[in-house]
């Protein structure tokens, strides 16, 4: 079966609409609240809307679609809730405070395009995987098989690891102001970014669902998310900035695996 690229393009453009709406509402809220950290919990919700948008567009139905929607829904709601709770009673994220200082009175206008619509762009690219899944489900060329069973099991492991890592980080962030030190307990003893590792794990498990289709586009989303986790979220410059403020973090870098969990060096 030839892949209908013109139809896929229509789906891509349609998928942008709810994301843009969510981002715009979030931007308006950020002007009222005078802080833009709300964009973080909105990002997984943007991805979640795409699964339903693409399913409606292609008229996809069935148990496999429900399973995919449930997986993405649980992932998005858990992450969104965690990020909302994390941001309560915390100052605006550091990179946004720096941007405020650099842009001054133009910050609110620039934040719409650079921050909120920038998150739309990344969520949109990440969502392309679900175009493949929804399209092939609608055509009956993607059905439940051993691939889906393995994918769901891997997704569950990834979600569990991410939940534990985020909880440990949340708990530690409340302690650090009192006791200081580096987070070298729990999962963070074996990886400096176990939450990002789990995020990659989750996206590649979703890619496995689409593997039987043989569509090369299915690897774009997980590859893109892996790039974001490794090169953007866990960028060495970010760790260098942390180390400049907390010298003990340098020892943590030397002793702990970058992302893939591994035993500490000492």
Protein backbone atom coordinates (compact mmCIF):
# COMPACT_ATOMS: atom_id res chain seq x y z
CA UNK A 1 0.00 0.00 0.00
CA UNK A 2 1.38 3.41 -0.98
CA UNK A 3 1.49 5.93 1.82
CA UNK A 4 -0.81 8.93 1.11
CA UNK A 5 1.54 11.80 1.89
CA UNK A 6 -1.00 14.46 0.92
CA UNK A 7 -3.48 12.98 3.41
CA UNK A 8 -0.77 12.81 6.05
CA UNK A 9 0.06 16.48 5.47
CA UNK A 10 -3.58 17.36 6.05
CA UNK A 11 -3.50 15.38 9.31
CA UNK A 12 -0.30 17.14 10.39
CA UNK A 13 -1.82 20.56 9.81
CA UNK A 14 -5.01 19.59 11.62
CA UNK A 15 -2.98 18.31 14.56
CA UNK A 16 -1.44 21.76 14.96
CA UNK A 17 -4.75 23.49 15.68
CA UNK A 18 -5.50 22.20 19.22
CA UNK A 19 -1.82 22.58 20.14
CA UNK A 20 -1.83 26.21 19.07
CA UNK A 21 -5.06 26.77 21.00
CA UNK A 22 -3.61 25.26 24.18
CA UNK A 23 -0.40 27.27 23.83
CA UNK A 24 -2.26 30.52 23.21
CA UNK A 25 -4.48 30.06 26.25
CA UNK A 26 -1.41 29.18 28.29
CA UNK A 27 0.32 32.33 27.03
CA UNK A 28 -2.63 34.50 28.04
CA UNK A 29 -2.52 32.92 31.48
CA UNK A 30 1.22 33.59 31.69
CA UNK A 31 0.61 37.30 31.10
CA UNK A 32 -1.94 37.38 33.93
CA UNK A 33 0.27 35.31 36.28
CA UNK A 34 3.50 36.98 35.07
CA UNK A 35 5.30 33.65 34.74
CA UNK A 36 5.71 31.23 31.83
CA UNK A 37 6.52 27.97 33.60
CA UNK A 38 2.95 26.86 32.87
CA UNK A 39 4.20 25.91 29.40
CA UNK A 40 5.90 22.79 30.79
CA UNK A 41 2.77 20.92 32.00
CA UNK A 42 0.93 22.02 28.85
CA UNK A 43 3.41 20.23 26.58
CA UNK A 44 2.30 16.62 27.29
CA UNK A 45 -1.32 17.74 26.91
CA UNK A 46 -0.50 19.05 23.43
CA UNK A 47 0.85 15.61 22.51
CA UNK A 48 -2.22 13.94 24.01
CA UNK A 49 -4.61 15.99 21.86
CA UNK A 50 -2.83 14.77 18.73
CA UNK A 51 -3.70 11.13 19.40
CA UNK A 52 -7.40 11.94 19.43
CA UNK A 53 -7.16 14.43 16.55
CA UNK A 54 -5.43 11.94 14.26
CA UNK A 55 -7.78 9.12 15.30
CA UNK A 56 -10.81 11.25 14.39
CA UNK A 57 -9.23 12.40 11.14
CA UNK A 58 -8.48 8.84 9.96
CA UNK A 59 -11.60 7.36 11.63
CA UNK A 60 -9.44 4.89 13.56
CA UNK A 61 -11.14 2.46 15.92
CA UNK A 62 -10.45 -0.69 17.89
CA UNK A 63 -8.72 -2.05 20.96
CA UNK A 64 -5.24 -1.13 19.80
CA UNK A 65 -6.23 2.51 19.38
CA UNK A 66 -7.80 2.52 22.85
CA UNK A 67 -4.61 1.05 24.28
CA UNK A 68 -2.47 3.73 22.61
CA UNK A 69 -4.78 6.50 23.80
CA UNK A 70 -4.73 5.09 27.33
CA UNK A 71 -0.92 4.89 27.36
CA UNK A 72 -0.46 8.42 26.07
CA UNK A 73 -3.21 9.67 28.38
CA UNK A 74 -1.64 8.18 31.51
CA UNK A 75 1.79 9.45 30.50
CA UNK A 76 0.51 12.97 29.75
CA UNK A 77 -1.66 13.35 32.85
CA UNK A 78 1.04 12.01 35.15
CA UNK A 79 3.68 14.28 33.68
CA UNK A 80 1.39 17.30 33.61
CA UNK A 81 0.38 16.78 37.24
CA UNK A 82 3.99 16.34 38.34
CA UNK A 83 5.12 19.50 36.56
CA UNK A 84 2.26 21.54 38.04
CA UNK A 85 3.08 20.31 41.54
CA UNK A 86 6.78 20.90 40.98
CA UNK A 87 6.21 24.52 39.99
CA UNK A 88 4.04 25.40 42.98
CA UNK A 89 5.80 27.87 45.28
CA UNK A 90 8.88 27.81 43.08
CA UNK A 91 10.38 30.72 41.14
CA UNK A 92 10.10 30.79 37.39
CA UNK A 93 12.53 28.44 35.65
CA UNK A 94 16.04 29.86 35.35
CA UNK A 95 16.21 30.01 31.54
CA UNK A 96 12.99 32.03 31.45
CA UNK A 97 14.25 34.48 34.08
CA UNK A 98 17.36 35.02 31.97
CA UNK A 99 15.18 35.61 28.91
CA UNK A 100 13.17 38.21 30.84
CA UNK A 101 16.34 40.10 31.68
CA UNK A 102 17.52 40.04 28.09
CA UNK A 103 14.24 41.07 26.44
CA UNK A 104 12.84 43.46 29.08
CA UNK A 105 9.51 44.95 27.93
CA UNK A 106 9.32 42.69 24.87
CA UNK A 107 9.34 39.49 26.91
CA UNK A 108 5.60 38.76 26.78
CA UNK A 109 5.45 39.10 22.99
CA UNK A 110 8.60 37.06 22.40
CA UNK A 111 7.50 34.40 24.89
CA UNK A 112 4.47 33.58 22.71
CA UNK A 113 6.65 32.64 19.75
CA UNK A 114 9.90 31.48 21.36
CA UNK A 115 8.48 29.62 24.36
CA UNK A 116 4.83 28.68 23.83
CA UNK A 117 4.84 28.17 20.07
CA UNK A 118 8.32 26.66 20.38
CA UNK A 119 6.78 24.00 22.60
CA UNK A 120 4.03 23.56 20.01
CA UNK A 121 6.66 22.84 17.36
CA UNK A 122 8.37 20.16 19.45
CA UNK A 123 5.04 18.56 20.46
CA UNK A 124 3.93 18.58 16.84
CA UNK A 125 7.08 16.79 15.62
CA UNK A 126 6.80 14.30 18.48
CA UNK A 127 3.19 13.57 17.49
CA UNK A 128 4.02 12.36 13.99
CA UNK A 129 4.43 8.82 15.28
CA UNK A 130 0.73 8.75 16.12
CA UNK A 131 -0.16 9.67 12.55
CA UNK A 132 1.46 6.42 11.45
CA UNK A 133 -0.28 4.44 14.15
CA UNK A 134 -3.74 5.94 13.59
CA UNK A 135 -3.53 5.72 9.80
CA UNK A 136 -2.53 2.05 9.72
CA UNK A 137 -5.09 1.11 12.38
CA UNK A 138 -7.79 2.72 10.23
CA UNK A 139 -6.62 0.72 7.18
CA UNK A 140 -6.39 -2.54 9.11
CA UNK A 141 -2.65 -2.85 8.41
CA UNK A 142 -1.71 -2.50 12.08
CA UNK A 143 -3.27 -5.01 14.44
CA UNK A 144 -2.55 -6.38 17.88
CA UNK A 145 0.46 -8.71 17.88
CA UNK A 146 3.48 -9.70 19.96
CA UNK A 147 5.02 -6.32 19.12
CA UNK A 148 2.20 -4.51 20.90
CA UNK A 149 2.46 -6.79 23.94
CA UNK A 150 6.18 -6.12 24.25
CA UNK A 151 5.67 -2.40 23.63
CA UNK A 152 3.08 -2.11 26.40
CA UNK A 153 5.36 -3.97 28.82
CA UNK A 154 8.30 -1.68 27.97
CA UNK A 155 6.08 1.39 28.25
CA UNK A 156 4.94 0.29 31.73
CA UNK A 157 8.56 -0.10 32.83
CA UNK A 158 9.45 3.31 31.45
CA UNK A 159 6.47 4.99 33.10
CA UNK A 160 7.27 3.36 36.44
CA UNK A 161 10.94 4.43 36.29
CA UNK A 162 9.98 7.97 35.31
CA UNK A 163 7.40 8.20 38.10
CA UNK A 164 9.89 7.04 40.73
CA UNK A 165 12.66 9.29 39.40
CA UNK A 166 10.39 12.34 39.34
CA UNK A 167 9.12 11.63 42.86
CA UNK A 168 12.65 11.24 44.18
CA UNK A 169 13.71 14.48 42.48
CA UNK A 170 10.64 16.31 43.79
CA UNK A 171 11.31 15.09 47.32
CA UNK A 172 14.98 16.00 47.09
CA UNK A 173 14.25 19.48 45.74
CA UNK A 174 12.29 20.13 48.94
CA UNK A 175 15.20 18.90 51.09
CA UNK A 176 18.13 20.56 49.35
CA UNK A 177 17.44 24.00 50.78
CA UNK A 178 17.79 22.50 54.24
CA UNK A 179 20.48 19.82 53.99
CA UNK A 180 22.24 20.66 50.69
CA UNK A 181 24.34 18.08 48.90
CA UNK A 182 23.99 16.14 45.67
CA UNK A 183 21.20 13.74 44.90
CA UNK A 184 22.98 10.40 45.07
CA UNK A 185 20.14 8.23 46.32
CA UNK A 186 17.61 6.03 44.61
CA UNK A 187 17.67 5.99 40.82
CA UNK A 188 19.77 9.15 40.78
CA UNK A 189 22.69 7.21 42.19
CA UNK A 190 22.91 5.25 38.93
CA UNK A 191 22.04 7.96 36.40
CA UNK A 192 22.24 11.74 36.40
CA UNK A 193 19.08 11.86 34.29
CA UNK A 194 16.96 8.74 34.96
CA UNK A 195 13.77 10.67 34.18
CA UNK A 196 15.06 11.60 30.72
CA UNK A 197 16.24 8.05 30.14
CA UNK A 198 12.73 6.81 30.99
CA UNK A 199 11.22 9.39 28.63
CA UNK A 200 13.29 8.02 25.74
CA UNK A 201 12.32 4.50 26.81
CA UNK A 202 8.63 5.39 26.62
CA UNK A 203 8.86 6.94 23.16
CA UNK A 204 10.80 4.02 21.69
CA UNK A 205 8.19 1.63 23.14
CA UNK A 206 5.52 3.55 21.21
CA UNK A 207 7.69 3.29 18.13
CA UNK A 208 7.67 -0.49 18.59
CA UNK A 209 3.88 -0.42 18.25
CA UNK A 210 4.27 1.01 14.76
CA UNK A 211 7.17 -1.26 13.78
CA UNK A 212 5.03 -3.80 11.83
CA UNK A 213 3.98 -1.03 9.43
CA UNK A 214 7.54 -0.71 8.14
CA UNK A 215 7.05 3.05 7.82
CA UNK A 216 10.35 4.86 8.32
CA UNK A 217 8.52 7.97 9.55
CA UNK A 218 7.76 6.09 12.77
CA UNK A 219 11.32 6.56 14.03
CA UNK A 220 11.30 10.35 13.59
CA UNK A 221 9.40 11.05 16.81
CA UNK A 222 11.42 8.85 19.19
CA UNK A 223 14.68 9.94 17.54
CA UNK A 224 13.62 13.57 17.95
CA UNK A 225 12.68 13.02 21.60
CA UNK A 226 15.99 11.27 22.27
CA UNK A 227 17.81 14.23 20.74
CA UNK A 228 15.85 16.63 22.96
CA UNK A 229 16.63 14.64 26.09
CA UNK A 230 20.33 14.18 25.35
CA UNK A 231 21.30 17.41 23.60
CA UNK A 232 18.83 19.95 25.00
CA UNK A 233 17.44 18.88 28.36
CA UNK A 234 20.67 17.24 29.54
CA UNK A 235 22.99 19.54 27.62
CA UNK A 236 26.52 19.61 29.11
CA UNK A 237 26.25 23.40 29.43
CA UNK A 238 23.30 22.89 31.78
CA UNK A 239 25.37 20.64 34.00
CA UNK A 240 28.29 23.05 33.85
CA UNK A 241 26.01 25.83 35.02
CA UNK A 242 24.85 23.69 37.95
CA UNK A 243 28.45 22.82 38.81
CA UNK A 244 29.36 26.52 38.81
CA UNK A 245 26.79 27.07 41.55
CA UNK A 246 27.40 23.80 43.40
CA UNK A 247 31.00 22.59 43.29
CA UNK A 248 30.07 19.18 44.75
CA UNK A 249 28.11 18.52 41.54
CA UNK A 250 31.42 18.03 39.72
CA UNK A 251 32.08 14.88 41.76
CA UNK A 252 28.57 13.71 40.98
CA UNK A 253 29.27 14.11 37.24
CA UNK A 254 32.50 12.14 37.48
CA UNK A 255 31.00 9.29 39.48
CA UNK A 256 27.57 8.86 37.91
CA UNK A 257 26.48 7.65 34.48
CA UNK A 258 25.18 10.38 32.19
CA UNK A 259 21.79 8.89 31.28
CA UNK A 260 21.73 5.09 30.97
CA UNK A 261 21.59 3.71 34.54
CA UNK A 262 24.89 2.11 35.55
CA UNK A 263 26.77 1.41 38.75
CA UNK A 264 28.63 4.43 40.22
CA UNK A 265 32.36 4.68 39.55
CA UNK A 266 33.13 5.28 43.22
